[in-house]
C-alpha atoms as a PDB file:
ATOM      1  CA  MET A   1      76.312  27.072 -77.512  1.00  0.00           C
ATOM      2  CA  GLU A   2      74.905  24.127 -79.698  1.00  0.00           C
ATOM      3  CA  SER A   3      71.587  22.503 -79.017  1.00  0.00           C
ATOM      4  CA  SER A   4      72.359  18.557 -78.938  1.00  0.00           C
ATOM      5  CA  SER A   5      69.450  16.002 -78.977  1.00  0.00           C
ATOM      6  CA  PRO A   6      66.536  17.189 -76.240  1.00  0.00           C
ATOM      7  CA  GLU A   7      66.693  15.754 -73.065  1.00  0.00           C
ATOM      8  CA  ILE A   8      63.814  14.063 -70.463  1.00  0.00           C
ATOM      9  CA  ILE A   9      63.360  16.497 -67.387  1.00  0.00           C
ATOM     10  CA  GLY A  10      62.918  14.277 -64.180  1.00  0.00           C
ATOM     11  CA  GLY A  11      64.056  11.051 -64.655  1.00  0.00           C
ATOM     12  CA  ILE A  12      62.032   8.337 -64.105  1.00  0.00           C
ATOM     13  CA  PHE A  13      61.627   8.740 -60.575  1.00  0.00           C
ATOM     14  CA  PRO A  14      58.961  12.207 -60.529  1.00  0.00           C
ATOM     15  CA  ASN A  15      57.200  10.959 -63.658  1.00  0.00           C
ATOM     16  CA  LEU A  16      56.961   7.360 -61.579  1.00  0.00           C
ATOM     17  CA  VAL A  17      55.715   9.726 -58.530  1.00  0.00           C
ATOM     18  CA  ALA A  18      53.248  11.712 -60.543  1.00  0.00           C
ATOM     19  CA  PHE A  19      52.121   9.341 -62.650  1.00  0.00           C
ATOM     20  CA  ILE A  20      50.717   7.067 -59.201  1.00  0.00           C
ATOM     21  CA  LEU A  21      49.936  10.723 -57.887  1.00  0.00           C
ATOM     22  CA  PHE A  22      47.678  11.460 -61.021  1.00  0.00           C
ATOM     23  CA  CYS A  23      46.055   7.542 -60.794  1.00  0.00           C
ATOM     24  CA  TRP A  24      45.203   7.976 -56.951  1.00  0.00           C
ATOM     25  CA  LEU A  25      43.498  11.144 -58.097  1.00  0.00           C
ATOM     26  CA  ILE A  26      41.035   9.679 -60.411  1.00  0.00           C
ATOM     27  CA  LEU A  27      40.206   7.153 -58.116  1.00  0.00           C
ATOM     28  CA  TYR A  28      39.529   9.524 -55.521  1.00  0.00           C
ATOM     29  CA  PHE A  29      37.214  11.552 -57.570  1.00  0.00           C
ATOM     30  CA  ALA A  30      35.716   8.268 -58.982  1.00  0.00           C
ATOM     31  CA  ARG A  31      35.184   7.602 -55.682  1.00  0.00           C
ATOM     32  CA  THR A  32      33.700  10.490 -53.966  1.00  0.00           C
ATOM     33  CA  GLY A  33      31.727  11.695 -57.474  1.00  0.00           C
ATOM     34  CA  ARG A  34      28.688  10.417 -59.322  1.00  0.00           C
ATOM     35  CA  MET A  35      31.000   7.631 -60.560  1.00  0.00           C
ATOM     36  CA  ALA A  36      30.829   5.944 -57.004  1.00  0.00           C
ATOM     37  CA  LYS A  37      26.292   6.527 -57.027  1.00  0.00           C
ATOM     38  CA  MET A  38      26.672   4.559 -60.072  1.00  0.00           C
ATOM     39  CA  PHE A  39      29.010   1.917 -59.182  1.00  0.00           C
ATOM     40  CA  GLY A  40      27.279   1.643 -55.766  1.00  0.00           C
ATOM     41  CA  TRP A  41      30.756   3.113 -53.731  1.00  0.00           C
ATOM     42  CA  ASP A  42      28.456   5.663 -52.476  1.00  0.00           C
ATOM     43  CA  LYS A  43      28.052   5.156 -48.708  1.00  0.00           C
ATOM     44  CA  LYS A  44      25.424   7.785 -47.947  1.00  0.00           C
ATOM     45  CA  ASN A  45      22.472   5.565 -50.672  1.00  0.00           C
ATOM     46  CA  LYS A  46      22.908   2.560 -48.432  1.00  0.00           C
END
């Protein structure tokens, strides 16, 4: 069995779903952590 050129596992759709999930997690933790206090997004401080 010869190894030919490398193949991309999954394709564009699973990679797009993973990218959207990754961005959502960044935004979620940015809105709930110390960044929220820094930007004034913290609802507890109002």
